[in-house]
Amino acid sequence: MAKNTLYSFDNYRDFLSAEISKIKLTRKNFSIRAMAKHLNMGSTTLIEVLGGKKNLSLDLAYRIRKKLKFSQEETQYFLQL
């Protein structure tokens, strides 16, 4: 199975959904609520972002990149998604 990298995505919603799915492979009880807590954001906000009801704010995008330990190059790409 090919490893998905940030660069294989063309929008942040798909990337975040894939990150949640990837973690669920090793942690069966991992949930959107757990991911939201890990990213220091509300679960309702994350659900709305993933569902397309809300866009990711610049502040949230920077918090996500910090938690996921993006390089500067990855950060620039993520912010353009």
Protein backbone atom coordinates (compact mmCIF):
# COMPACT_ATOMS: atom_id res chain seq x y z
CA MET A 1 0.00 0.00 0.00
CA ALA A 2 1.43 3.37 -1.00
CA LYS A 3 2.12 5.82 1.75
CA ASN A 4 0.11 9.02 1.44
CA THR A 5 2.08 12.16 2.03
CA LEU A 6 0.81 15.68 2.45
CA TYR A 7 1.81 16.34 -1.17
CA SER A 8 -0.52 13.63 -2.47
CA PHE A 9 -3.55 15.70 -1.41
CA ASP A 10 -5.14 18.66 -3.13
CA ASN A 11 -7.29 19.78 -0.19
CA TYR A 12 -6.89 19.85 3.56
CA ARG A 13 -10.17 18.06 4.26
CA ASP A 14 -9.03 14.90 2.51
CA PHE A 15 -5.63 15.15 4.18
CA LEU A 16 -7.13 15.45 7.68
CA SER A 17 -9.56 12.60 7.00
CA ALA A 18 -6.67 10.42 5.83
CA GLU A 19 -4.67 11.29 8.94
CA ILE A 20 -7.57 10.19 11.12
CA SER A 21 -7.92 6.94 9.14
CA LYS A 22 -4.17 6.28 9.37
CA ILE A 23 -4.20 6.66 13.15
CA LYS A 24 -7.28 4.42 13.40
CA LEU A 25 -5.27 1.58 11.85
CA THR A 26 -3.17 1.36 14.99
CA ARG A 27 -5.60 2.81 17.54
CA LYS A 28 -9.01 1.27 16.88
CA ASN A 29 -10.85 3.57 19.32
CA PHE A 30 -9.36 6.76 17.87
CA SER A 31 -12.11 9.22 16.94
CA ILE A 32 -12.67 12.63 15.45
CA ARG A 33 -13.09 13.86 19.02
CA ALA A 34 -9.64 12.46 19.90
CA MET A 35 -8.12 14.08 16.81
CA ALA A 36 -9.73 17.41 17.67
CA LYS A 37 -8.31 17.20 21.18
CA HIS A 38 -4.87 16.35 19.78
CA LEU A 39 -5.10 19.38 17.47
CA ASN A 40 -6.34 21.67 20.27
CA MET A 41 -9.64 22.42 18.59
CA GLY A 42 -13.27 21.66 19.29
CA SER A 43 -14.69 18.43 17.91
CA THR A 44 -17.67 20.30 16.45
CA THR A 45 -15.29 22.60 14.59
CA LEU A 46 -13.33 19.66 13.20
CA ILE A 47 -16.53 17.89 12.12
CA GLU A 48 -17.73 21.08 10.39
CA VAL A 49 -14.35 21.54 8.67
CA LEU A 50 -14.25 17.91 7.49
CA GLY A 51 -17.85 18.13 6.31
CA GLY A 52 -17.26 21.32 4.34
CA LYS A 53 -19.58 23.45 6.48
CA LYS A 54 -16.69 25.52 7.78
CA ASN A 55 -13.33 26.51 6.34
CA LEU A 56 -10.10 26.07 8.22
CA SER A 57 -8.99 29.37 9.72
CA LEU A 58 -5.38 30.47 9.43
CA ASP A 59 -5.02 30.10 13.21
CA LEU A 60 -6.28 26.51 13.12
CA ALA A 61 -4.09 25.71 10.12
CA TYR A 62 -1.01 26.89 12.03
CA ARG A 63 -2.01 24.88 15.11
CA ILE A 64 -2.45 21.79 12.96
CA ARG A 65 0.92 22.23 11.28
CA LYS A 66 2.58 22.61 14.67
CA LYS A 67 0.94 19.48 16.09
CA LEU A 68 1.71 17.44 12.98
CA LYS A 69 5.27 18.80 12.93
CA PHE A 70 5.30 20.03 9.35
CA SER A 71 8.50 21.38 7.87
CA GLN A 72 8.46 24.93 6.55
CA GLU A 73 7.94 23.59 3.03
CA GLU A 74 5.08 21.35 4.17
CA THR A 75 3.53 24.27 6.04
CA GLN A 76 3.52 26.40 2.90
CA TYR A 77 1.89 23.58 0.92
CA PHE A 78 -0.70 22.92 3.64
CA LEU A 79 -1.63 26.61 3.82
CA GLN A 80 -2.23 26.61 0.06
CA LEU A 81 -4.65 23.68 0.29
